[in-house]
Amino acid sequence: MVNIIIVEDNRNYRMRTKTIIESYMMETNINYTIKTFESYTDKLKKIIEHSDDGHYIYILDIDLQNDDSGIDIANDIRSKCDYDSIIILETGYKELLSEAQRLRLSILDYVCKSVNYDKNIKELLDLSLEIFGYKKSLKFQMEKIDYNLKYDDIYRIETDTLERKCVVITKNKKYDLKKPLYFFEKQLNKDFYKINKGCIVNVTKIKKVDYNRNVITFDNGDVLRGNISIRSVKGLRIILKAKE
């Protein structure tokens, strides 16, 4: 779970930031929440004091129109010995901390509201999720060994209903796990698409699709037959078209 906290006293920017984040996160399979605040409220203080439910990203406006600034909030977050949460500061102008302050508060970066705001927010979200380990790899344990497979190495994940397991298929190896498909689905990024209730494919590995014969050919020569459900055809076409 990724919890994203926006503290911004300007309603337009508050709603704009929320919309940007929602648009970005909806393209992932990561569970998330977004909470917005106009100021440093008691409710926000309680969240900071009990931030043990997943990962946290704080997007804080430096110049809040009250006694507490975004820097004050950042100070409180770090004073709770919380150095796992990510802090991003928003500013409408070049009001920057000294390098010593930035290092002490472990600020990921600044976002200037007047320059490439949408793009910069998305890039920092991308970086944040990589730091949290949500992107680029699939994590699981098999026979008491921890595995961290790069997404780029995975071709598909499918269920074996007879054995009640899932099989993670890479270019050179298969991993059999007593896990339901949704265990993997919630970790994967937008490069993966569920072609039926029991199979997820990495669309970046697809060489071609014969929709008439219901055949997927992967770039390693592997062929998957009869697995594309009628309901998933349209979505698969759209995704592959976007990848061209």
Protein backbone atom coordinates (compact mmCIF):
# COMPACT_ATOMS: atom_id res chain seq x y z
CA MET A 1 0.00 0.00 0.00
CA VAL A 2 1.25 3.45 -0.94
CA ASN A 3 -0.25 6.34 1.02
CA ILE A 4 0.11 9.72 -0.67
CA ILE A 5 -0.40 12.85 1.41
CA ILE A 6 -0.84 16.23 -0.28
CA VAL A 7 -0.61 19.39 1.83
CA GLU A 8 -1.43 22.46 -0.25
CA ASP A 9 -3.44 25.54 0.75
CA ASN A 10 -4.29 26.51 -2.83
CA ARG A 11 -7.36 24.49 -3.77
CA ASN A 12 -6.63 24.53 -7.51
CA TYR A 13 -3.14 23.12 -7.04
CA ARG A 14 -4.38 20.67 -4.42
CA MET A 15 -6.96 19.23 -6.81
CA ARG A 16 -4.57 19.38 -9.76
CA THR A 17 -1.93 17.42 -7.86
CA LYS A 18 -4.49 14.83 -6.80
CA THR A 19 -5.69 14.41 -10.40
CA ILE A 20 -2.12 13.96 -11.68
CA ILE A 21 -1.42 11.31 -9.04
CA GLU A 22 -4.69 9.45 -9.65
CA SER A 23 -4.00 9.35 -13.38
CA TYR A 24 -0.51 7.98 -12.76
CA MET A 25 -1.43 5.41 -10.10
CA MET A 26 -4.39 4.03 -12.02
CA GLU A 27 -1.96 2.78 -14.65
CA THR A 28 -0.25 0.61 -12.05
CA ASN A 29 -1.60 -2.35 -10.10
CA ILE A 30 -0.43 -0.86 -6.82
CA ASN A 31 -2.88 -0.32 -3.99
CA TYR A 32 -2.85 3.32 -2.93
CA THR A 33 -4.68 6.03 -1.02
CA ILE A 34 -4.60 9.79 -1.49
CA LYS A 35 -5.39 12.22 1.30
CA THR A 36 -5.41 16.00 0.83
CA PHE A 37 -5.00 18.70 3.45
CA GLU A 38 -5.21 22.46 3.32
CA SER A 39 -3.09 22.91 6.43
CA TYR A 40 -1.31 21.03 9.20
CA THR A 41 -4.40 19.63 10.92
CA ASP A 42 -4.70 17.33 13.94
CA LYS A 43 -5.77 14.54 11.58
CA LEU A 44 -2.55 14.94 9.60
CA LYS A 45 -0.51 14.92 12.82
CA LYS A 46 -2.09 11.58 13.76
CA ILE A 47 -1.18 10.15 10.37
CA ILE A 48 2.44 11.22 10.84
CA GLU A 49 2.52 9.72 14.33
CA HIS A 50 1.15 6.37 13.17
CA SER A 51 2.54 5.99 9.66
CA ASP A 52 3.01 2.22 9.86
CA ASP A 53 0.46 1.12 7.25
CA GLY A 54 2.53 0.72 4.10
CA HIS A 55 4.69 3.35 2.40
CA TYR A 56 4.16 7.10 2.57
CA ILE A 57 4.82 9.90 0.10
CA TYR A 58 4.35 13.45 1.41
CA ILE A 59 3.96 16.26 -1.12
CA LEU A 60 4.24 19.46 0.90
CA ASP A 61 3.81 23.07 -0.13
CA ILE A 62 6.66 25.05 1.39
CA ASP A 63 4.68 28.26 1.81
CA LEU A 64 1.42 27.42 3.61
CA GLN A 65 -0.73 30.36 4.64
CA ASN A 66 -0.60 29.65 8.37
CA ASP A 67 1.90 29.23 11.17
CA ASP A 68 3.16 25.87 9.94
CA SER A 69 5.06 25.57 6.66
CA GLY A 70 5.83 22.49 4.62
CA ILE A 71 9.29 22.55 6.14
CA ASP A 72 7.78 22.42 9.64
CA ILE A 73 5.77 19.36 8.64
CA ALA A 74 8.88 17.74 7.15
CA ASN A 75 10.70 18.41 10.42
CA ASP A 76 7.94 16.66 12.37
CA ILE A 77 8.00 13.64 10.05
CA ARG A 78 11.74 13.17 10.52
CA SER A 79 11.57 13.91 14.25
CA LYS A 80 9.46 10.74 14.57
CA CYS A 81 12.51 8.85 13.25
CA ASP A 82 10.60 8.22 10.03
CA TYR A 83 13.24 8.26 7.32
CA ASP A 84 11.46 5.69 5.17
CA SER A 85 8.72 8.05 4.03
CA ILE A 86 9.46 10.16 0.97
CA ILE A 87 9.11 13.94 1.13
CA ILE A 88 8.66 16.14 -1.94
CA LEU A 89 8.46 19.91 -1.54
CA GLU A 90 6.37 22.17 -3.76
CA THR A 91 7.30 25.77 -4.33
CA GLY A 92 5.99 28.58 -6.51
CA TYR A 93 9.40 30.18 -6.74
CA LYS A 94 13.04 29.50 -6.06
CA GLU A 95 12.70 29.14 -2.32
CA LEU A 96 15.09 26.32 -1.60
CA LEU A 97 16.60 24.87 1.52
CA SER A 98 20.31 24.85 2.06
CA GLU A 99 22.01 21.61 1.09
CA ALA A 100 22.56 20.86 4.79
CA GLN A 101 18.84 21.26 5.53
CA ARG A 102 17.87 19.18 2.54
CA LEU A 103 20.17 16.35 3.60
CA ARG A 104 19.01 16.53 7.21
CA LEU A 105 15.36 16.30 6.20
CA SER A 106 16.13 13.79 3.44
CA ILE A 107 14.11 15.68 0.83
CA LEU A 108 13.74 13.71 -2.40
CA ASP A 109 13.36 16.81 -4.57
CA TYR A 110 11.54 20.08 -5.23
CA VAL A 111 8.70 20.67 -7.66
CA CYS A 112 8.30 24.16 -9.07
CA LYS A 113 4.61 24.87 -9.72
CA SER A 114 5.33 27.09 -12.69
CA VAL A 115 7.69 24.80 -14.63
CA ASN A 116 6.70 21.38 -16.06
CA TYR A 117 4.65 20.66 -12.96
CA ASP A 118 2.68 17.62 -14.22
CA LYS A 119 5.73 16.00 -15.79
CA ASN A 120 7.90 16.51 -12.72
CA ILE A 121 5.28 15.12 -10.33
CA LYS A 122 4.98 11.95 -12.42
CA GLU A 123 8.75 11.52 -12.65
CA LEU A 124 9.10 11.84 -8.88
CA LEU A 125 6.29 9.34 -8.35
CA ASP A 126 8.13 6.98 -10.66
CA LEU A 127 11.32 7.42 -8.66
CA SER A 128 9.46 7.02 -5.35
CA LEU A 129 7.92 3.71 -6.39
CA GLU A 130 11.32 2.46 -7.52
CA ILE A 131 12.76 3.38 -4.12
CA PHE A 132 9.93 1.48 -2.44
CA GLY A 133 10.67 -1.52 -4.64
CA TYR A 134 7.33 -1.55 -6.44
CA LYS A 135 8.74 -1.12 -9.91
CA LYS A 136 10.96 -3.13 -12.20
CA SER A 137 10.87 -6.38 -10.22
CA LEU A 138 8.58 -9.09 -8.88
CA LYS A 139 9.34 -10.26 -5.36
CA PHE A 140 8.39 -13.62 -3.88
CA GLN A 141 9.73 -16.43 -1.72
CA MET A 142 10.10 -20.05 -2.82
CA GLU A 143 11.45 -22.82 -0.61
CA LYS A 144 12.60 -20.21 1.92
CA ILE A 145 14.64 -18.38 -0.73
CA ASP A 146 13.81 -14.77 -1.64
CA TYR A 147 13.57 -14.02 -5.35
CA ASN A 148 13.57 -10.65 -7.09
CA LEU A 149 12.80 -11.13 -10.78
CA LYS A 150 13.11 -8.19 -13.13
CA TYR A 151 9.88 -7.47 -14.97
CA ASP A 152 11.82 -7.50 -18.21
CA ASP A 153 12.76 -11.16 -17.60
CA ILE A 154 9.16 -12.33 -17.11
CA TYR A 155 7.13 -13.55 -20.09
CA ARG A 156 3.94 -14.65 -18.38
CA ILE A 157 2.37 -15.90 -15.18
CA GLU A 158 -0.29 -18.58 -15.35
CA THR A 159 -2.32 -20.72 -12.98
CA ASP A 160 -2.18 -24.49 -12.76
CA THR A 161 -5.66 -25.35 -11.45
CA LEU A 162 -4.88 -29.04 -10.97
CA GLU A 163 -1.83 -28.36 -8.81
CA ARG A 164 -3.37 -25.21 -7.29
CA LYS A 165 -0.30 -23.14 -8.01
CA CYS A 166 0.98 -20.37 -10.25
CA VAL A 167 3.86 -20.68 -12.67
CA VAL A 168 6.10 -17.67 -13.34
CA ILE A 169 7.68 -18.18 -16.75
CA THR A 170 10.87 -16.37 -17.73
CA LYS A 171 13.04 -16.80 -20.80
CA ASN A 172 15.09 -19.61 -19.27
CA LYS A 173 13.24 -20.85 -16.21
CA LYS A 174 9.90 -21.61 -14.57
CA TYR A 175 9.03 -20.92 -10.93
CA ASP A 176 6.21 -22.94 -9.35
CA LEU A 177 4.58 -21.22 -6.41
CA LYS A 178 1.65 -22.03 -4.14
CA LYS A 179 0.28 -18.51 -4.55
CA PRO A 180 -2.94 -17.19 -6.12
CA LEU A 181 -2.67 -15.13 -9.28
CA TYR A 182 -3.75 -11.93 -7.53
CA PHE A 183 -0.62 -12.16 -5.33
CA PHE A 184 1.43 -11.41 -8.44
CA GLU A 185 -1.12 -9.22 -10.20
CA LYS A 186 -1.07 -6.55 -7.50
CA GLN A 187 2.72 -6.21 -7.80
CA LEU A 188 2.96 -5.89 -11.57
CA ASN A 189 3.14 -2.72 -13.62
CA LYS A 190 1.29 -1.59 -16.74
CA ASP A 191 3.45 -3.76 -19.04
CA PHE A 192 1.44 -6.76 -17.89
CA TYR A 193 -2.07 -7.63 -19.08
CA LYS A 194 -4.51 -10.29 -17.92
CA ILE A 195 -5.67 -12.17 -21.02
CA ASN A 196 -7.97 -14.47 -19.05
CA LYS A 197 -8.75 -15.19 -15.41
CA GLY A 198 -5.75 -17.48 -15.14
CA CYS A 199 -3.00 -15.89 -17.23
CA ILE A 200 -1.08 -12.60 -17.26
CA VAL A 201 1.32 -11.79 -20.09
CA ASN A 202 4.14 -9.29 -20.45
CA VAL A 203 2.99 -7.31 -23.50
CA THR A 204 6.53 -6.04 -24.17
CA LYS A 205 7.52 -9.65 -24.93
CA ILE A 206 4.78 -10.24 -27.49
CA LYS A 207 6.06 -10.48 -31.08
CA LYS A 208 2.66 -10.91 -32.74
CA VAL A 209 -0.94 -11.92 -32.07
CA ASP A 210 -3.19 -13.87 -34.41
CA TYR A 211 -6.63 -12.96 -33.08
CA ASN A 212 -8.46 -15.21 -35.57
CA ARG A 213 -6.57 -18.30 -34.41
CA ASN A 214 -6.20 -17.05 -30.81
CA VAL A 215 -2.42 -17.42 -30.83
CA ILE A 216 0.20 -15.27 -29.10
CA THR A 217 3.81 -15.54 -30.26
CA PHE A 218 6.50 -14.21 -27.93
CA ASP A 219 9.86 -12.80 -28.96
CA ASN A 220 11.66 -15.93 -27.71
CA GLY A 221 9.60 -18.15 -30.04
CA ASP A 222 7.28 -19.42 -27.32
CA VAL A 223 3.66 -19.79 -28.47
CA LEU A 224 0.49 -19.53 -26.40
CA ARG A 225 -2.68 -20.95 -27.96
CA GLY A 226 -6.33 -20.49 -27.09
CA ASN A 227 -5.76 -18.32 -24.04
CA ILE A 228 -7.14 -14.92 -25.04
CA SER A 229 -10.63 -14.51 -23.62
CA ILE A 230 -13.23 -12.67 -25.69
CA ARG A 231 -13.51 -9.97 -23.03
CA SER A 232 -9.77 -9.25 -23.07
CA VAL A 233 -9.29 -8.95 -26.85
CA LYS A 234 -10.17 -5.27 -27.10
CA GLY A 235 -7.90 -4.29 -24.20
CA LEU A 236 -5.00 -6.29 -25.62
CA ARG A 237 -5.39 -4.63 -29.01
CA ILE A 238 -5.35 -1.17 -27.42
CA ILE A 239 -2.26 -1.89 -25.31
CA LEU A 240 -0.28 -3.39 -28.19
CA LYS A 241 -1.28 -0.52 -30.47
CA ALA A 242 0.01 1.96 -27.89
CA LYS A 243 3.32 0.09 -27.72
CA GLU A 244 3.95 0.46 -31.46
